[in-house]
Each structure stands twice: as structure tokens, then as C-alpha cells.
N, C-alpha and C. Protein backbone atom coordinates (compact mmCIF):
# COMPACT_ATOMS: atom_id res chain seq x y z
N MET A 1 1.05 -25.76 17.16
CA MET A 1 -0.33 -25.35 17.40
C MET A 1 -0.63 -24.02 16.73
N LYS A 2 0.34 -23.11 16.78
CA LYS A 2 0.16 -21.78 16.18
C LYS A 2 0.00 -21.91 14.66
N ARG A 3 0.61 -22.95 14.11
CA ARG A 3 0.52 -23.15 12.66
C ARG A 3 -0.87 -23.66 12.26
N LEU A 4 -1.47 -24.50 13.09
CA LEU A 4 -2.81 -25.01 12.82
C LEU A 4 -3.86 -23.94 13.11
N LEU A 5 -3.72 -23.26 14.23
CA LEU A 5 -4.65 -22.21 14.63
C LEU A 5 -3.90 -20.89 14.79
N PRO A 6 -3.71 -20.14 13.73
CA PRO A 6 -2.95 -18.90 13.83
C PRO A 6 -3.67 -17.82 14.65
N PHE A 7 -4.99 -17.88 14.69
CA PHE A 7 -5.79 -16.93 15.46
C PHE A 7 -6.74 -17.72 16.36
N PRO A 8 -6.24 -18.22 17.49
CA PRO A 8 -7.05 -19.11 18.33
C PRO A 8 -8.29 -18.44 18.92
N LEU A 9 -8.20 -17.16 19.27
CA LEU A 9 -9.38 -16.48 19.83
C LEU A 9 -10.47 -16.34 18.78
N LEU A 10 -10.10 -16.07 17.55
CA LEU A 10 -11.07 -15.99 16.46
C LEU A 10 -11.74 -17.35 16.26
N ALA A 11 -10.94 -18.41 16.24
CA ALA A 11 -11.49 -19.75 16.05
C ALA A 11 -12.44 -20.11 17.20
N LEU A 12 -12.06 -19.79 18.41
CA LEU A 12 -12.93 -20.07 19.56
C LEU A 12 -14.22 -19.28 19.48
N ALA A 13 -14.13 -18.00 19.13
CA ALA A 13 -15.32 -17.16 19.01
C ALA A 13 -16.25 -17.69 17.92
N LEU A 14 -15.68 -18.11 16.79
CA LEU A 14 -16.49 -18.66 15.71
C LEU A 14 -17.17 -19.97 16.12
N LEU A 15 -16.44 -20.81 16.84
CA LEU A 15 -17.02 -22.07 17.30
C LEU A 15 -18.17 -21.82 18.28
N VAL A 16 -17.95 -20.92 19.20
CA VAL A 16 -19.01 -20.60 20.18
C VAL A 16 -20.23 -20.03 19.47
N MET A 17 -20.00 -19.11 18.52
CA MET A 17 -21.12 -18.53 17.78
C MET A 17 -21.86 -19.60 16.98
N TRP A 18 -21.11 -20.52 16.38
CA TRP A 18 -21.71 -21.61 15.61
C TRP A 18 -22.61 -22.45 16.52
N ILE A 19 -22.11 -22.79 17.68
CA ILE A 19 -22.89 -23.62 18.61
C ILE A 19 -24.13 -22.88 19.10
N LEU A 20 -23.99 -21.58 19.37
CA LEU A 20 -25.13 -20.79 19.81
C LEU A 20 -26.20 -20.69 18.72
N LEU A 21 -25.79 -20.62 17.48
CA LEU A 21 -26.74 -20.47 16.38
C LEU A 21 -27.37 -21.80 15.95
N THR A 22 -26.63 -22.90 16.05
CA THR A 22 -27.14 -24.17 15.53
C THR A 22 -27.58 -25.14 16.62
N GLY A 23 -27.18 -24.92 17.82
CA GLY A 23 -27.52 -25.85 18.89
C GLY A 23 -26.35 -26.76 19.21
N PHE A 24 -26.39 -27.34 20.38
CA PHE A 24 -25.28 -28.17 20.84
C PHE A 24 -25.57 -29.63 20.53
N SER A 25 -24.81 -30.18 19.59
CA SER A 25 -24.84 -31.61 19.30
C SER A 25 -23.44 -31.97 18.79
N PRO A 26 -23.06 -33.23 18.92
CA PRO A 26 -21.71 -33.61 18.48
C PRO A 26 -21.42 -33.26 17.02
N GLY A 27 -22.39 -33.43 16.16
CA GLY A 27 -22.20 -33.12 14.75
C GLY A 27 -21.98 -31.63 14.51
N HIS A 28 -22.77 -30.81 15.20
CA HIS A 28 -22.62 -29.36 15.05
C HIS A 28 -21.30 -28.87 15.64
N VAL A 29 -20.89 -29.46 16.74
CA VAL A 29 -19.61 -29.07 17.34
C VAL A 29 -18.47 -29.42 16.39
N LEU A 30 -18.51 -30.62 15.79
CA LEU A 30 -17.47 -31.03 14.85
C LEU A 30 -17.47 -30.13 13.61
N LEU A 31 -18.64 -29.90 13.02
CA LEU A 31 -18.73 -29.05 11.84
C LEU A 31 -18.32 -27.61 12.18
N GLY A 32 -18.75 -27.11 13.31
CA GLY A 32 -18.36 -25.77 13.74
C GLY A 32 -16.86 -25.66 13.96
N GLY A 33 -16.25 -26.70 14.50
CA GLY A 33 -14.80 -26.71 14.68
C GLY A 33 -14.05 -26.66 13.37
N VAL A 34 -14.52 -27.42 12.39
CA VAL A 34 -13.89 -27.42 11.08
C VAL A 34 -14.02 -26.04 10.43
N VAL A 35 -15.21 -25.46 10.48
CA VAL A 35 -15.43 -24.12 9.91
C VAL A 35 -14.56 -23.09 10.61
N ALA A 36 -14.48 -23.16 11.94
CA ALA A 36 -13.68 -22.20 12.70
C ALA A 36 -12.21 -22.30 12.34
N VAL A 37 -11.69 -23.51 12.19
CA VAL A 37 -10.27 -23.68 11.82
C VAL A 37 -10.02 -23.17 10.41
N LEU A 38 -10.91 -23.49 9.47
CA LEU A 38 -10.73 -23.04 8.09
C LEU A 38 -10.78 -21.51 7.98
N ILE A 39 -11.72 -20.90 8.64
CA ILE A 39 -11.82 -19.44 8.58
C ILE A 39 -10.62 -18.81 9.28
N SER A 40 -10.19 -19.38 10.37
CA SER A 40 -9.02 -18.86 11.06
C SER A 40 -7.78 -18.95 10.17
N ARG A 41 -7.65 -20.03 9.43
CA ARG A 41 -6.51 -20.17 8.50
C ARG A 41 -6.63 -19.19 7.34
N THR A 42 -7.85 -18.90 6.91
CA THR A 42 -8.08 -17.95 5.82
C THR A 42 -7.61 -16.55 6.21
N MET A 43 -7.69 -16.23 7.47
CA MET A 43 -7.25 -14.91 7.94
C MET A 43 -5.76 -14.70 7.73
N LEU A 44 -5.00 -15.76 7.59
CA LEU A 44 -3.55 -15.62 7.32
C LEU A 44 -3.30 -14.86 6.02
N SER A 45 -4.13 -15.09 5.02
CA SER A 45 -3.92 -14.41 3.74
C SER A 45 -4.26 -12.93 3.83
N LEU A 46 -5.10 -12.54 4.76
CA LEU A 46 -5.45 -11.13 4.92
C LEU A 46 -4.36 -10.37 5.67
N ARG A 47 -3.61 -11.07 6.49
CA ARG A 47 -2.53 -10.48 7.28
C ARG A 47 -2.94 -9.19 7.97
N PRO A 48 -3.88 -9.26 8.91
CA PRO A 48 -4.33 -8.04 9.57
C PRO A 48 -3.21 -7.42 10.41
N ASP A 49 -3.13 -6.10 10.38
CA ASP A 49 -2.15 -5.39 11.19
C ASP A 49 -2.58 -5.40 12.65
N ALA A 50 -1.62 -5.32 13.51
CA ALA A 50 -1.94 -5.20 14.94
C ALA A 50 -2.59 -3.85 15.19
N ALA A 51 -3.57 -3.83 16.07
CA ALA A 51 -4.31 -2.60 16.33
C ALA A 51 -3.43 -1.54 16.98
N GLY A 52 -2.51 -1.94 17.82
CA GLY A 52 -1.59 -1.00 18.42
C GLY A 52 -2.27 0.00 19.34
N TYR A 53 -3.13 -0.47 20.20
CA TYR A 53 -3.79 0.44 21.13
C TYR A 53 -3.15 0.32 22.51
N ARG A 54 -3.34 1.36 23.28
CA ARG A 54 -2.82 1.38 24.64
C ARG A 54 -3.98 1.18 25.62
N PRO A 55 -4.09 -0.02 26.19
CA PRO A 55 -5.18 -0.24 27.13
C PRO A 55 -4.95 0.60 28.38
N GLY A 56 -6.02 1.05 28.95
CA GLY A 56 -5.91 1.85 30.15
C GLY A 56 -7.25 2.44 30.53
N LEU A 57 -7.18 3.46 31.33
CA LEU A 57 -8.38 4.11 31.84
C LEU A 57 -9.19 4.76 30.71
N ALA A 58 -8.52 5.21 29.65
CA ALA A 58 -9.23 5.86 28.55
C ALA A 58 -10.20 4.89 27.87
N VAL A 59 -9.85 3.62 27.77
CA VAL A 59 -10.74 2.62 27.16
C VAL A 59 -12.01 2.47 28.01
N ILE A 60 -11.84 2.42 29.31
CA ILE A 60 -12.98 2.27 30.22
C ILE A 60 -13.87 3.52 30.17
N ARG A 61 -13.24 4.69 30.16
CA ARG A 61 -14.01 5.94 30.09
C ARG A 61 -14.79 6.02 28.77
N LEU A 62 -14.13 5.64 27.67
CA LEU A 62 -14.80 5.67 26.38
C LEU A 62 -15.97 4.69 26.34
N ALA A 63 -15.79 3.49 26.84
CA ALA A 63 -16.86 2.49 26.85
C ALA A 63 -18.04 2.97 27.69
N GLY A 64 -17.77 3.55 28.84
CA GLY A 64 -18.84 4.07 29.69
C GLY A 64 -19.58 5.21 29.02
N MET A 65 -18.83 6.11 28.39
CA MET A 65 -19.43 7.24 27.70
C MET A 65 -20.31 6.78 26.55
N VAL A 66 -19.82 5.81 25.78
CA VAL A 66 -20.58 5.31 24.64
C VAL A 66 -21.87 4.63 25.11
N CYS A 67 -21.79 3.83 26.15
CA CYS A 67 -22.99 3.16 26.68
C CYS A 67 -24.03 4.19 27.14
N ALA A 68 -23.59 5.20 27.86
CA ALA A 68 -24.50 6.24 28.34
C ALA A 68 -25.09 7.03 27.17
N ASP A 69 -24.27 7.34 26.18
CA ASP A 69 -24.76 8.09 25.02
C ASP A 69 -25.75 7.27 24.20
N ILE A 70 -25.51 5.98 24.06
CA ILE A 70 -26.45 5.13 23.32
C ILE A 70 -27.78 5.06 24.04
N LEU A 71 -27.76 4.92 25.35
CA LEU A 71 -29.00 4.89 26.13
C LEU A 71 -29.75 6.21 26.00
N ARG A 72 -29.03 7.32 26.17
CA ARG A 72 -29.63 8.65 26.07
C ARG A 72 -30.20 8.88 24.67
N SER A 73 -29.48 8.45 23.65
CA SER A 73 -29.92 8.64 22.28
C SER A 73 -31.13 7.77 21.95
N ASN A 74 -31.18 6.56 22.51
CA ASN A 74 -32.36 5.72 22.32
C ASN A 74 -33.62 6.41 22.83
N ILE A 75 -33.52 7.03 23.99
CA ILE A 75 -34.67 7.73 24.57
C ILE A 75 -35.05 8.92 23.70
N ALA A 76 -34.05 9.69 23.23
CA ALA A 76 -34.33 10.86 22.40
C ALA A 76 -34.98 10.48 21.08
N VAL A 77 -34.47 9.44 20.42
CA VAL A 77 -35.03 9.00 19.15
C VAL A 77 -36.44 8.44 19.36
N ALA A 78 -36.65 7.71 20.44
CA ALA A 78 -37.99 7.19 20.73
C ALA A 78 -38.99 8.33 20.91
N ARG A 79 -38.58 9.39 21.57
CA ARG A 79 -39.47 10.56 21.73
C ARG A 79 -39.80 11.19 20.39
N ILE A 80 -38.79 11.31 19.53
CA ILE A 80 -39.02 11.91 18.21
C ILE A 80 -39.98 11.04 17.40
N VAL A 81 -39.76 9.74 17.41
CA VAL A 81 -40.58 8.84 16.60
C VAL A 81 -41.99 8.69 17.18
N LEU A 82 -42.10 8.50 18.48
CA LEU A 82 -43.41 8.26 19.09
C LEU A 82 -44.29 9.50 19.12
N PHE A 83 -43.71 10.64 19.34
CA PHE A 83 -44.51 11.85 19.46
C PHE A 83 -44.50 12.68 18.17
N ARG A 84 -43.91 12.15 17.13
CA ARG A 84 -43.92 12.73 15.79
C ARG A 84 -43.67 14.23 15.80
N ARG A 85 -42.59 14.61 16.40
CA ARG A 85 -42.24 16.02 16.47
C ARG A 85 -41.75 16.46 15.10
N THR A 86 -42.49 17.32 14.46
CA THR A 86 -42.17 17.75 13.10
C THR A 86 -41.19 18.91 13.05
N ASP A 87 -40.91 19.51 14.18
CA ASP A 87 -39.98 20.64 14.19
C ASP A 87 -38.53 20.18 14.12
N ARG A 88 -38.30 18.88 14.09
CA ARG A 88 -36.95 18.33 14.02
C ARG A 88 -36.45 18.38 12.58
N LYS A 89 -35.18 18.71 12.43
CA LYS A 89 -34.58 18.79 11.10
C LYS A 89 -33.40 17.82 11.03
N SER A 90 -33.45 16.91 10.09
CA SER A 90 -32.32 16.00 9.91
C SER A 90 -31.42 16.57 8.82
N GLY A 91 -30.18 16.14 8.82
CA GLY A 91 -29.26 16.65 7.81
C GLY A 91 -27.90 15.97 7.89
N PHE A 92 -27.02 16.41 7.00
CA PHE A 92 -25.68 15.87 6.93
C PHE A 92 -24.69 16.84 7.56
N LEU A 93 -23.67 16.28 8.16
CA LEU A 93 -22.68 17.05 8.89
C LEU A 93 -21.30 16.64 8.39
N HIS A 94 -20.48 17.62 8.05
CA HIS A 94 -19.09 17.37 7.65
C HIS A 94 -18.21 17.57 8.88
N LEU A 95 -17.61 16.48 9.35
CA LEU A 95 -16.80 16.51 10.56
C LEU A 95 -15.32 16.40 10.19
N PRO A 96 -14.54 17.47 10.36
CA PRO A 96 -13.10 17.34 10.16
C PRO A 96 -12.49 16.55 11.31
N THR A 97 -11.65 15.60 11.00
CA THR A 97 -11.11 14.73 12.05
C THR A 97 -9.58 14.75 12.06
N GLY A 98 -9.04 14.60 13.24
CA GLY A 98 -7.60 14.52 13.40
C GLY A 98 -7.13 13.07 13.48
N LEU A 99 -8.06 12.13 13.45
CA LEU A 99 -7.70 10.71 13.52
C LEU A 99 -7.07 10.25 12.22
N ARG A 100 -5.95 9.55 12.32
CA ARG A 100 -5.29 9.00 11.14
C ARG A 100 -5.20 7.47 11.21
N ASN A 101 -5.27 6.93 12.42
CA ASN A 101 -5.17 5.49 12.62
C ASN A 101 -6.44 4.82 12.10
N PRO A 102 -6.32 3.83 11.20
CA PRO A 102 -7.51 3.19 10.65
C PRO A 102 -8.34 2.46 11.70
N HIS A 103 -7.69 1.95 12.74
CA HIS A 103 -8.44 1.27 13.80
C HIS A 103 -9.25 2.27 14.62
N ALA A 104 -8.68 3.43 14.88
CA ALA A 104 -9.41 4.47 15.60
C ALA A 104 -10.59 4.96 14.77
N LEU A 105 -10.39 5.11 13.48
CA LEU A 105 -11.50 5.52 12.61
C LEU A 105 -12.60 4.46 12.57
N ALA A 106 -12.21 3.19 12.58
CA ALA A 106 -13.19 2.11 12.58
C ALA A 106 -14.00 2.12 13.87
N VAL A 107 -13.33 2.35 15.00
CA VAL A 107 -14.04 2.41 16.28
C VAL A 107 -14.99 3.61 16.30
N LEU A 108 -14.54 4.75 15.77
CA LEU A 108 -15.42 5.93 15.70
C LEU A 108 -16.62 5.65 14.81
N ALA A 109 -16.42 4.94 13.70
CA ALA A 109 -17.53 4.58 12.82
C ALA A 109 -18.54 3.70 13.54
N VAL A 110 -18.05 2.75 14.32
CA VAL A 110 -18.94 1.87 15.07
C VAL A 110 -19.71 2.67 16.12
N ILE A 111 -19.03 3.56 16.81
CA ILE A 111 -19.69 4.37 17.84
C ILE A 111 -20.79 5.23 17.22
N ILE A 112 -20.47 5.92 16.14
CA ILE A 112 -21.44 6.82 15.51
C ILE A 112 -22.62 6.04 14.95
N THR A 113 -22.35 4.92 14.30
CA THR A 113 -23.43 4.15 13.70
C THR A 113 -24.26 3.41 14.74
N ALA A 114 -23.65 3.01 15.85
CA ALA A 114 -24.39 2.30 16.90
C ALA A 114 -25.26 3.23 17.73
N THR A 115 -24.97 4.51 17.68
CA THR A 115 -25.76 5.47 18.43
C THR A 115 -27.00 5.84 17.62
N PRO A 116 -28.19 5.56 18.12
CA PRO A 116 -29.41 5.87 17.36
C PRO A 116 -29.49 7.37 17.04
N GLY A 117 -29.90 7.65 15.81
CA GLY A 117 -30.04 9.03 15.38
C GLY A 117 -28.85 9.55 14.61
N THR A 118 -27.76 8.78 14.56
CA THR A 118 -26.59 9.19 13.79
C THR A 118 -26.14 8.02 12.92
N LEU A 119 -25.50 8.37 11.80
CA LEU A 119 -25.04 7.34 10.88
C LEU A 119 -23.80 7.83 10.15
N TRP A 120 -22.73 7.04 10.19
CA TRP A 120 -21.50 7.33 9.46
C TRP A 120 -21.79 7.05 7.99
N VAL A 121 -21.60 8.03 7.12
CA VAL A 121 -21.92 7.86 5.72
C VAL A 121 -20.68 7.69 4.85
N GLN A 122 -19.66 8.55 5.07
CA GLN A 122 -18.51 8.54 4.19
C GLN A 122 -17.29 9.10 4.91
N HIS A 123 -16.11 8.63 4.47
CA HIS A 123 -14.85 9.17 4.99
C HIS A 123 -13.99 9.59 3.81
N ASP A 124 -13.61 10.86 3.78
CA ASP A 124 -12.72 11.38 2.75
C ASP A 124 -11.30 11.34 3.33
N ALA A 125 -10.51 10.36 2.92
CA ALA A 125 -9.18 10.16 3.49
C ALA A 125 -8.20 11.26 3.08
N ARG A 126 -8.42 11.89 1.93
CA ARG A 126 -7.51 12.97 1.51
C ARG A 126 -7.71 14.23 2.34
N ARG A 127 -8.95 14.59 2.56
CA ARG A 127 -9.24 15.82 3.31
C ARG A 127 -9.43 15.56 4.80
N HIS A 128 -9.51 14.29 5.21
CA HIS A 128 -9.74 13.90 6.60
C HIS A 128 -11.05 14.49 7.12
N VAL A 129 -12.11 14.23 6.35
CA VAL A 129 -13.44 14.71 6.70
C VAL A 129 -14.39 13.52 6.69
N ILE A 130 -15.25 13.46 7.69
CA ILE A 130 -16.23 12.39 7.81
C ILE A 130 -17.61 12.99 7.56
N LEU A 131 -18.43 12.32 6.77
CA LEU A 131 -19.79 12.75 6.51
C LEU A 131 -20.71 11.92 7.40
N ILE A 132 -21.50 12.59 8.20
CA ILE A 132 -22.39 11.93 9.17
C ILE A 132 -23.81 12.43 8.94
N HIS A 133 -24.78 11.52 8.97
CA HIS A 133 -26.18 11.92 8.93
C HIS A 133 -26.70 11.97 10.36
N VAL A 134 -27.38 13.05 10.70
CA VAL A 134 -27.92 13.23 12.05
C VAL A 134 -29.43 13.41 11.94
N LEU A 135 -30.17 12.66 12.74
CA LEU A 135 -31.63 12.73 12.72
C LEU A 135 -32.15 14.06 13.23
N ASP A 136 -31.52 14.58 14.26
CA ASP A 136 -31.97 15.83 14.89
C ASP A 136 -30.82 16.84 14.86
N LEU A 137 -30.60 17.45 13.70
CA LEU A 137 -29.48 18.37 13.50
C LEU A 137 -29.94 19.80 13.79
N VAL A 138 -29.76 20.23 15.02
CA VAL A 138 -30.14 21.58 15.41
C VAL A 138 -28.96 22.53 15.22
N ASP A 139 -27.81 22.15 15.79
CA ASP A 139 -26.62 22.99 15.74
C ASP A 139 -25.44 22.15 15.27
N GLU A 140 -24.97 22.42 14.05
CA GLU A 140 -23.88 21.64 13.47
C GLU A 140 -22.59 21.77 14.28
N GLU A 141 -22.28 22.96 14.73
CA GLU A 141 -21.06 23.19 15.51
C GLU A 141 -21.10 22.44 16.84
N GLU A 142 -22.26 22.34 17.44
CA GLU A 142 -22.40 21.61 18.71
C GLU A 142 -22.13 20.12 18.50
N TRP A 143 -22.62 19.55 17.38
CA TRP A 143 -22.36 18.14 17.07
C TRP A 143 -20.87 17.90 16.84
N ILE A 144 -20.23 18.80 16.10
CA ILE A 144 -18.80 18.65 15.84
C ILE A 144 -18.02 18.70 17.15
N ARG A 145 -18.35 19.66 17.99
CA ARG A 145 -17.67 19.80 19.28
C ARG A 145 -17.91 18.57 20.15
N LEU A 146 -19.14 18.05 20.15
CA LEU A 146 -19.47 16.88 20.97
C LEU A 146 -18.65 15.66 20.54
N ILE A 147 -18.59 15.39 19.25
CA ILE A 147 -17.87 14.21 18.76
C ILE A 147 -16.37 14.36 18.99
N LYS A 148 -15.83 15.54 18.74
CA LYS A 148 -14.40 15.75 18.92
C LYS A 148 -14.00 15.68 20.39
N ASP A 149 -14.80 16.29 21.27
CA ASP A 149 -14.45 16.31 22.69
C ASP A 149 -14.70 14.97 23.38
N ARG A 150 -15.78 14.30 23.03
CA ARG A 150 -16.14 13.08 23.74
C ARG A 150 -15.43 11.85 23.18
N TYR A 151 -15.36 11.73 21.86
CA TYR A 151 -14.87 10.49 21.28
C TYR A 151 -13.48 10.63 20.67
N GLU A 152 -13.28 11.63 19.83
CA GLU A 152 -12.02 11.73 19.12
C GLU A 152 -10.83 11.90 20.06
N ARG A 153 -10.99 12.71 21.08
CA ARG A 153 -9.90 12.93 22.03
C ARG A 153 -9.49 11.63 22.71
N LEU A 154 -10.47 10.84 23.16
CA LEU A 154 -10.16 9.56 23.81
C LEU A 154 -9.60 8.55 22.82
N LEU A 155 -10.11 8.53 21.60
CA LEU A 155 -9.59 7.61 20.60
C LEU A 155 -8.15 7.94 20.24
N MET A 156 -7.80 9.20 20.19
CA MET A 156 -6.40 9.58 19.96
C MET A 156 -5.53 9.12 21.11
N GLU A 157 -6.04 9.24 22.31
CA GLU A 157 -5.27 8.80 23.49
C GLU A 157 -5.07 7.29 23.47
N ILE A 158 -6.04 6.56 22.98
CA ILE A 158 -5.98 5.10 22.97
C ILE A 158 -5.12 4.58 21.81
N PHE A 159 -5.30 5.13 20.59
CA PHE A 159 -4.69 4.55 19.41
C PHE A 159 -3.45 5.28 18.90
N GLU A 160 -3.29 6.54 19.19
CA GLU A 160 -2.18 7.27 18.55
C GLU A 160 -1.17 7.75 19.55
């Protein structure tokens, strides 16, 4: 079975997504199953590394923090957009990072990009610096401290 479906959770997720997008009928289930198996087999050639994370309380704390920050940021960006506050200054921020694990960096990229008002732009792997665009850049040092204290510390605890 492992030889036919090397990544069964991926195949199941693809099949469910296929059914949700196309509707439930025997033909769609069959076609979705074939696509899910083929894509799952294709992942063998990519040979993804194991994430190597330590599940625990840090994952729950990080998820809760990210959800709260996304909600808070949605409200802040809505205020900026709806009330057209012109005193806001957007800009780019160079964030030095201690993260070396590619999975931790990917999670940080998702967190930063999913939070309204911020966007991950570039990662310099040689200097370990991340370029971030911030919609409301008042204090660069405060943003660096916020990301390092809230996210980077927990990601290091989870992945490294």
C-alpha cells in the first residue's frame, strides 16, 4: 500500500479538495482519485525532507498568537483604508533572523504574509536577513522586536 500511495494524507487531502471543487458524483470521485494517486506518486521524485518539528505547547501558543494578530491587523488595516489616514508611512524593513531551518522560515513567511499590512518580500540566505514590507511602518525597531519576540522565538523552540 505504501508503494501505491507513498503520501496517503496528501492523496486524501487532494481527493477531498477535488470533490469540494467539482461536486460529488461517481465520475468526479474516480477522476479525483486518479489525480490524487498520480500527484502523490509524483511527490516521490521531490523527496521532501521531514519537517523535524517538536509538537507541544509552543505550537498551540504560536497558533493562538497568529490568529489574534491576524484579527487585530485586519481591524488596523481596515481603519487605515476606510478612513484614509494619510499620516501613515509604509516602507521596507530589514529583519535579521536567527532562523536557519527552512521549514521554520517557511512558516514565518506564511505568518508574515497572512497578516494584513505586512508582506515577506525577500530572504538573503547568506546574511540571514529578511526584507519585509510594512503598510504602517512607524518604528522599525519595534517591528523587529515584535517579530523576533513573538514569532521567531517560538519557531526556534518548535523547529530547532
